[in-house]
Amino acid sequence: MEKVAAEGIVVEKINIDTEEILTMEYTVRSVPTVILIDDSGKEFARTVGAKPLNHYIEQYNNFTNV
């Protein structure tokens, strides 16, 4: 996720053990789960499991270029 952040994408890591409300709100059941969220808090993409850097950048770019 540090590499994703280095691309200029805002990354916020959440500890599922201490952020139980967010974990439930976004229905996180597996780790790692990456959820792309717009400024209003609405989810627009979700990936469960580790993926290559390009996967996350492409998801983000697909959303921001719409």
PDB file of N, CA and C in Angstrom:
ATOM      1  N   MET A   1       0.817  -1.190   0.000  1.00  0.00           N
ATOM      2  CA  MET A   1       0.000   0.000   0.000  1.00  0.00           C
ATOM      3  C   MET A   1       0.864   1.258   0.000  1.00  0.00           C
ATOM      4  N   GLU A   2       2.088   1.130   0.493  1.00  0.00           N
ATOM      5  CA  GLU A   2       2.992   2.285   0.437  1.00  0.00           C
ATOM      6  C   GLU A   2       3.278   2.675  -1.011  1.00  0.00           C
ATOM      7  N   LYS A   3       3.391   1.688  -1.896  1.00  0.00           N
ATOM      8  CA  LYS A   3       3.633   1.974  -3.313  1.00  0.00           C
ATOM      9  C   LYS A   3       2.416   2.630  -3.958  1.00  0.00           C
ATOM     10  N   VAL A   4       1.234   2.229  -3.539  1.00  0.00           N
ATOM     11  CA  VAL A   4       0.009   2.859  -4.046  1.00  0.00           C
ATOM     12  C   VAL A   4      -0.018   4.321  -3.611  1.00  0.00           C
ATOM     13  N   ALA A   5       0.282   4.572  -2.354  1.00  0.00           N
ATOM     14  CA  ALA A   5       0.315   5.948  -1.842  1.00  0.00           C
ATOM     15  C   ALA A   5       1.367   6.781  -2.566  1.00  0.00           C
ATOM     16  N   ALA A   6       2.484   6.163  -2.926  1.00  0.00           N
ATOM     17  CA  ALA A   6       3.538   6.872  -3.642  1.00  0.00           C
ATOM     18  C   ALA A   6       3.081   7.325  -5.024  1.00  0.00           C
ATOM     19  N   GLU A   7       2.008   6.728  -5.535  1.00  0.00           N
ATOM     20  CA  GLU A   7       1.438   7.120  -6.832  1.00  0.00           C
ATOM     21  C   GLU A   7       0.483   8.299  -6.696  1.00  0.00           C
ATOM     22  N   GLY A   8       0.334   8.812  -5.481  1.00  0.00           N
ATOM     23  CA  GLY A   8      -0.534   9.966  -5.265  1.00  0.00           C
ATOM     24  C   GLY A   8      -1.957   9.608  -4.855  1.00  0.00           C
ATOM     25  N   ILE A   9      -2.198   8.341  -4.568  1.00  0.00           N
ATOM     26  CA  ILE A   9      -3.520   7.884  -4.144  1.00  0.00           C
ATOM     27  C   ILE A   9      -3.545   7.893  -2.616  1.00  0.00           C
ATOM     28  N   VAL A  10      -4.574   8.483  -2.049  1.00  0.00           N
ATOM     29  CA  VAL A  10      -4.687   8.538  -0.591  1.00  0.00           C
ATOM     30  C   VAL A  10      -4.978   7.133  -0.067  1.00  0.00           C
ATOM     31  N   VAL A  11      -4.155   6.689   0.876  1.00  0.00           N
ATOM     32  CA  VAL A  11      -4.298   5.361   1.470  1.00  0.00           C
ATOM     33  C   VAL A  11      -4.484   5.529   2.973  1.00  0.00           C
ATOM     34  N   GLU A  12      -5.489   4.881   3.493  1.00  0.00           N
ATOM     35  CA  GLU A  12      -5.715   4.894   4.937  1.00  0.00           C
ATOM     36  C   GLU A  12      -5.829   3.448   5.400  1.00  0.00           C
ATOM     37  N   LYS A  13      -4.906   3.036   6.250  1.00  0.00           N
ATOM     38  CA  LYS A  13      -4.930   1.675   6.773  1.00  0.00           C
ATOM     39  C   LYS A  13      -5.794   1.642   8.021  1.00  0.00           C
ATOM     40  N   ILE A  14      -6.606   0.610   8.112  1.00  0.00           N
ATOM     41  CA  ILE A  14      -7.500   0.447   9.248  1.00  0.00           C
ATOM     42  C   ILE A  14      -7.146  -0.871   9.948  1.00  0.00           C
ATOM     43  N   ASN A  15      -6.992  -0.805  11.256  1.00  0.00           N
ATOM     44  CA  ASN A  15      -6.750  -1.992  12.063  1.00  0.00           C
ATOM     45  C   ASN A  15      -8.114  -2.587  12.417  1.00  0.00           C
ATOM     46  N   ILE A  16      -8.401  -3.779  11.892  1.00  0.00           N
ATOM     47  CA  ILE A  16      -9.727  -4.360  12.109  1.00  0.00           C
ATOM     48  C   ILE A  16      -9.978  -4.729  13.565  1.00  0.00           C
ATOM     49  N   ASP A  17      -8.931  -4.882  14.352  1.00  0.00           N
ATOM     50  CA  ASP A  17      -9.098  -5.211  15.767  1.00  0.00           C
ATOM     51  C   ASP A  17      -9.526  -4.002  16.592  1.00  0.00           C
ATOM     52  N   THR A  18      -9.128  -2.809  16.176  1.00  0.00           N
ATOM     53  CA  THR A  18      -9.455  -1.611  16.950  1.00  0.00           C
ATOM     54  C   THR A  18     -10.520  -0.744  16.275  1.00  0.00           C
ATOM     55  N   GLU A  19     -10.755  -0.926  14.995  1.00  0.00           N
ATOM     56  CA  GLU A  19     -11.749  -0.141  14.244  1.00  0.00           C
ATOM     57  C   GLU A  19     -12.951  -1.015  13.909  1.00  0.00           C
ATOM     58  N   GLU A  20     -13.581  -1.544  14.951  1.00  0.00           N
ATOM     59  CA  GLU A  20     -14.669  -2.502  14.759  1.00  0.00           C
ATOM     60  C   GLU A  20     -15.871  -1.901  14.021  1.00  0.00           C
ATOM     61  N   ILE A  21     -16.173  -0.643  14.265  1.00  0.00           N
ATOM     62  CA  ILE A  21     -17.330  -0.023  13.605  1.00  0.00           C
ATOM     63  C   ILE A  21     -17.105   0.072  12.097  1.00  0.00           C
ATOM     64  N   LEU A  22     -15.927   0.543  11.682  1.00  0.00           N
ATOM     65  CA  LEU A  22     -15.624   0.608  10.243  1.00  0.00           C
ATOM     66  C   LEU A  22     -15.579  -0.785   9.629  1.00  0.00           C
ATOM     67  N   THR A  23     -15.025  -1.737  10.361  1.00  0.00           N
ATOM     68  CA  THR A  23     -14.964  -3.113   9.875  1.00  0.00           C
ATOM     69  C   THR A  23     -16.364  -3.643   9.591  1.00  0.00           C
ATOM     70  N   MET A  24     -17.293  -3.380  10.477  1.00  0.00           N
ATOM     71  CA  MET A  24     -18.680  -3.821  10.278  1.00  0.00           C
ATOM     72  C   MET A  24     -19.371  -3.001   9.195  1.00  0.00           C
ATOM     73  N   GLU A  25     -19.141  -1.684   9.193  1.00  0.00           N
ATOM     74  CA  GLU A  25     -19.792  -0.806   8.210  1.00  0.00           C
ATOM     75  C   GLU A  25     -19.456  -1.223   6.789  1.00  0.00           C
ATOM     76  N   TYR A  26     -18.209  -1.592   6.545  1.00  0.00           N
ATOM     77  CA  TYR A  26     -17.776  -1.977   5.205  1.00  0.00           C
ATOM     78  C   TYR A  26     -17.713  -3.496   5.020  1.00  0.00           C
ATOM     79  N   THR A  27     -18.226  -4.244   5.986  1.00  0.00           N
ATOM     80  CA  THR A  27     -18.331  -5.699   5.924  1.00  0.00           C
ATOM     81  C   THR A  27     -17.010  -6.350   5.517  1.00  0.00           C
ATOM     82  N   VAL A  28     -15.980  -6.059   6.275  1.00  0.00           N
ATOM     83  CA  VAL A  28     -14.666  -6.663   6.030  1.00  0.00           C
ATOM     84  C   VAL A  28     -14.636  -7.996   6.749  1.00  0.00           C
ATOM     85  N   ARG A  29     -14.428  -9.064   5.971  1.00  0.00           N
ATOM     86  CA  ARG A  29     -14.416 -10.409   6.541  1.00  0.00           C
ATOM     87  C   ARG A  29     -13.072 -11.102   6.379  1.00  0.00           C
ATOM     88  N   SER A  30     -12.234 -10.585   5.501  1.00  0.00           N
ATOM     89  CA  SER A  30     -10.927 -11.184   5.252  1.00  0.00           C
ATOM     90  C   SER A  30      -9.869 -10.096   5.212  1.00  0.00           C
ATOM     91  N   VAL A  31      -8.647 -10.499   5.520  1.00  0.00           N
ATOM     92  CA  VAL A  31      -7.516  -9.582   5.471  1.00  0.00           C
ATOM     93  C   VAL A  31      -6.495 -10.200   4.529  1.00  0.00           C
ATOM     94  N   PRO A  32      -5.973  -9.454   3.572  1.00  0.00           N
ATOM     95  CA  PRO A  32      -6.234  -8.041   3.324  1.00  0.00           C
ATOM     96  C   PRO A  32      -7.489  -7.819   2.482  1.00  0.00           C
ATOM     97  N   THR A  33      -8.179  -6.759   2.796  1.00  0.00           N
ATOM     98  CA  THR A  33      -9.285  -6.257   1.980  1.00  0.00           C
ATOM     99  C   THR A  33      -8.977  -4.803   1.672  1.00  0.00           C
ATOM    100  N   VAL A  34      -9.008  -4.458   0.397  1.00  0.00           N
ATOM    101  CA  VAL A  34      -8.780  -3.078  -0.025  1.00  0.00           C
ATOM    102  C   VAL A  34     -10.092  -2.564  -0.595  1.00  0.00           C
ATOM    103  N   ILE A  35     -10.574  -1.465  -0.027  1.00  0.00           N
ATOM    104  CA  ILE A  35     -11.830  -0.868  -0.463  1.00  0.00           C
ATOM    105  C   ILE A  35     -11.531   0.542  -0.945  1.00  0.00           C
ATOM    106  N   LEU A  36     -11.911   0.826  -2.168  1.00  0.00           N
ATOM    107  CA  LEU A  36     -11.767   2.180  -2.700  1.00  0.00           C
ATOM    108  C   LEU A  36     -13.070   2.914  -2.426  1.00  0.00           C
ATOM    109  N   ILE A  37     -12.934   4.068  -1.784  1.00  0.00           N
ATOM    110  CA  ILE A  37     -14.087   4.831  -1.312  1.00  0.00           C
ATOM    111  C   ILE A  37     -14.008   6.248  -1.855  1.00  0.00           C
ATOM    112  N   ASP A  38     -15.150   6.771  -2.316  1.00  0.00           N
ATOM    113  CA  ASP A  38     -15.160   8.150  -2.806  1.00  0.00           C
ATOM    114  C   ASP A  38     -15.225   9.126  -1.634  1.00  0.00           C
ATOM    115  N   ASP A  39     -15.258  10.413  -1.936  1.00  0.00           N
ATOM    116  CA  ASP A  39     -15.227  11.448  -0.897  1.00  0.00           C
ATOM    117  C   ASP A  39     -16.440  11.399   0.032  1.00  0.00           C
ATOM    118  N   SER A  40     -17.534  10.830  -0.429  1.00  0.00           N
ATOM    119  CA  SER A  40     -18.737  10.759   0.405  1.00  0.00           C
ATOM    120  C   SER A  40     -18.765   9.507   1.282  1.00  0.00           C
ATOM    121  N   GLY A  41     -17.772   8.624   1.118  1.00  0.00           N
ATOM    122  CA  GLY A  41     -17.725   7.395   1.896  1.00  0.00           C
ATOM    123  C   GLY A  41     -18.353   6.210   1.190  1.00  0.00           C
ATOM    124  N   LYS A  42     -18.783   6.409  -0.061  1.00  0.00           N
ATOM    125  CA  LYS A  42     -19.402   5.334  -0.827  1.00  0.00           C
ATOM    126  C   LYS A  42     -18.334   4.448  -1.462  1.00  0.00           C
ATOM    127  N   GLU A  43     -18.498   3.148  -1.295  1.00  0.00           N
ATOM    128  CA  GLU A  43     -17.561   2.183  -1.879  1.00  0.00           C
ATOM    129  C   GLU A  43     -17.748   2.110  -3.392  1.00  0.00           C
ATOM    130  N   PHE A  44     -16.639   2.133  -4.141  1.00  0.00           N
ATOM    131  CA  PHE A  44     -16.751   1.959  -5.585  1.00  0.00           C
ATOM    132  C   PHE A  44     -15.942   0.795  -6.113  1.00  0.00           C
ATOM    133  N   ALA A  45     -15.097   0.194  -5.294  1.00  0.00           N
ATOM    134  CA  ALA A  45     -14.356  -0.998  -5.709  1.00  0.00           C
ATOM    135  C   ALA A  45     -13.858  -1.714  -4.465  1.00  0.00           C
ATOM    136  N   ARG A  46     -13.755  -3.040  -4.578  1.00  0.00           N
ATOM    137  CA  ARG A  46     -13.278  -3.853  -3.455  1.00  0.00           C
ATOM    138  C   ARG A  46     -12.410  -4.978  -4.011  1.00  0.00           C
ATOM    139  N   THR A  47     -11.310  -5.227  -3.323  1.00  0.00           N
ATOM    140  CA  THR A  47     -10.431  -6.335  -3.660  1.00  0.00           C
ATOM    141  C   THR A  47     -10.126  -7.093  -2.375  1.00  0.00           C
ATOM    142  N   VAL A  48     -10.338  -8.392  -2.395  1.00  0.00           N
ATOM    143  CA  VAL A  48     -10.009  -9.233  -1.258  1.00  0.00           C
ATOM    144  C   VAL A  48      -8.806 -10.071  -1.655  1.00  0.00           C
ATOM    145  N   GLY A  49      -7.773 -10.034  -0.828  1.00  0.00           N
ATOM    146  CA  GLY A  49      -6.530 -10.732  -1.136  1.00  0.00           C
ATOM    147  C   GLY A  49      -5.529  -9.779  -1.756  1.00  0.00           C
ATOM    148  N   ALA A  50      -4.286 -10.157  -1.689  1.00  0.00           N
ATOM    149  CA  ALA A  50      -3.216  -9.306  -2.217  1.00  0.00           C
ATOM    150  C   ALA A  50      -3.217  -9.341  -3.742  1.00  0.00           C
ATOM    151  N   LYS A  51      -3.019  -8.186  -4.333  1.00  0.00           N
ATOM    152  CA  LYS A  51      -2.959  -8.037  -5.790  1.00  0.00           C
ATOM    153  C   LYS A  51      -1.736  -7.202  -6.140  1.00  0.00           C
ATOM    154  N   PRO A  52      -1.296  -7.249  -7.405  1.00  0.00           N
ATOM    155  CA  PRO A  52      -0.168  -6.413  -7.824  1.00  0.00           C
ATOM    156  C   PRO A  52      -0.519  -4.926  -7.793  1.00  0.00           C
ATOM    157  N   LEU A  53       0.481  -4.102  -7.666  1.00  0.00           N
ATOM    158  CA  LEU A  53       0.327  -2.650  -7.613  1.00  0.00           C
ATOM    159  C   LEU A  53      -0.558  -2.126  -8.740  1.00  0.00           C
ATOM    160  N   ASN A  54      -0.331  -2.584  -9.951  1.00  0.00           N
ATOM    161  CA  ASN A  54      -1.089  -2.079 -11.105  1.00  0.00           C
ATOM    162  C   ASN A  54      -2.594  -2.301 -10.961  1.00  0.00           C
ATOM    163  N   HIS A  55      -2.986  -3.354 -10.287  1.00  0.00           N
ATOM    164  CA  HIS A  55      -4.413  -3.630 -10.092  1.00  0.00           C
ATOM    165  C   HIS A  55      -5.100  -2.470  -9.368  1.00  0.00           C
ATOM    166  N   TYR A  56      -4.505  -2.023  -8.271  1.00  0.00           N
ATOM    167  CA  TYR A  56      -5.101  -0.947  -7.476  1.00  0.00           C
ATOM    168  C   TYR A  56      -5.081   0.382  -8.228  1.00  0.00           C
ATOM    169  N   ILE A  57      -3.999   0.647  -8.923  1.00  0.00           N
ATOM    170  CA  ILE A  57      -3.890   1.894  -9.676  1.00  0.00           C
ATOM    171  C   ILE A  57      -4.919   1.923 -10.804  1.00  0.00           C
ATOM    172  N   GLU A  58      -5.108   0.809 -11.503  1.00  0.00           N
ATOM    173  CA  GLU A  58      -6.095   0.738 -12.579  1.00  0.00           C
ATOM    174  C   GLU A  58      -7.511   0.931 -12.037  1.00  0.00           C
ATOM    175  N   GLN A  59      -7.827   0.298 -10.900  1.00  0.00           N
ATOM    176  CA  GLN A  59      -9.153   0.496 -10.304  1.00  0.00           C
ATOM    177  C   GLN A  59      -9.383   1.951  -9.980  1.00  0.00           C
ATOM    178  N   TYR A  60      -8.401   2.583  -9.363  1.00  0.00           N
ATOM    179  CA  TYR A  60      -8.527   3.981  -8.987  1.00  0.00           C
ATOM    180  C   TYR A  60      -8.681   4.862 -10.229  1.00  0.00           C
ATOM    181  N   ASN A  61      -7.836   4.643 -11.216  1.00  0.00           N
ATOM    182  CA  ASN A  61      -7.892   5.452 -12.438  1.00  0.00           C
ATOM    183  C   ASN A  61      -9.204   5.248 -13.183  1.00  0.00           C
ATOM    184  N   ASN A  62      -9.738   4.041 -13.200  1.00  0.00           N
ATOM    185  CA  ASN A  62     -11.031   3.785 -13.851  1.00  0.00           C
ATOM    186  C   ASN A  62     -12.131   4.591 -13.189  1.00  0.00           C
ATOM    187  N   PHE A  63     -12.081   4.717 -11.874  1.00  0.00           N
ATOM    188  CA  PHE A  63     -13.113   5.474 -11.167  1.00  0.00           C
ATOM    189  C   PHE A  63     -12.934   6.984 -11.401  1.00  0.00           C
ATOM    190  N   THR A  64     -11.709   7.473 -11.293  1.00  0.00           N
ATOM    191  CA  THR A  64     -11.493   8.918 -11.383  1.00  0.00           C
ATOM    192  C   THR A  64     -11.633   9.436 -12.806  1.00  0.00           C
ATOM    193  N   ASN A  65     -11.521   8.566 -13.803  1.00  0.00           N
ATOM    194  CA  ASN A  65     -11.647   8.996 -15.191  1.00  0.00           C
ATOM    195  C   ASN A  65     -13.069   8.868 -15.727  1.00  0.00           C
ATOM    196  N   VAL A  66     -13.999   8.459 -14.885  1.00  0.00           N
ATOM    197  CA  VAL A  66     -15.401   8.288 -15.323  1.00  0.00           C
ATOM    198  C   VAL A  66     -16.088   9.631 -15.356  1.00  0.00           C
TER     199      VAL A  66
END
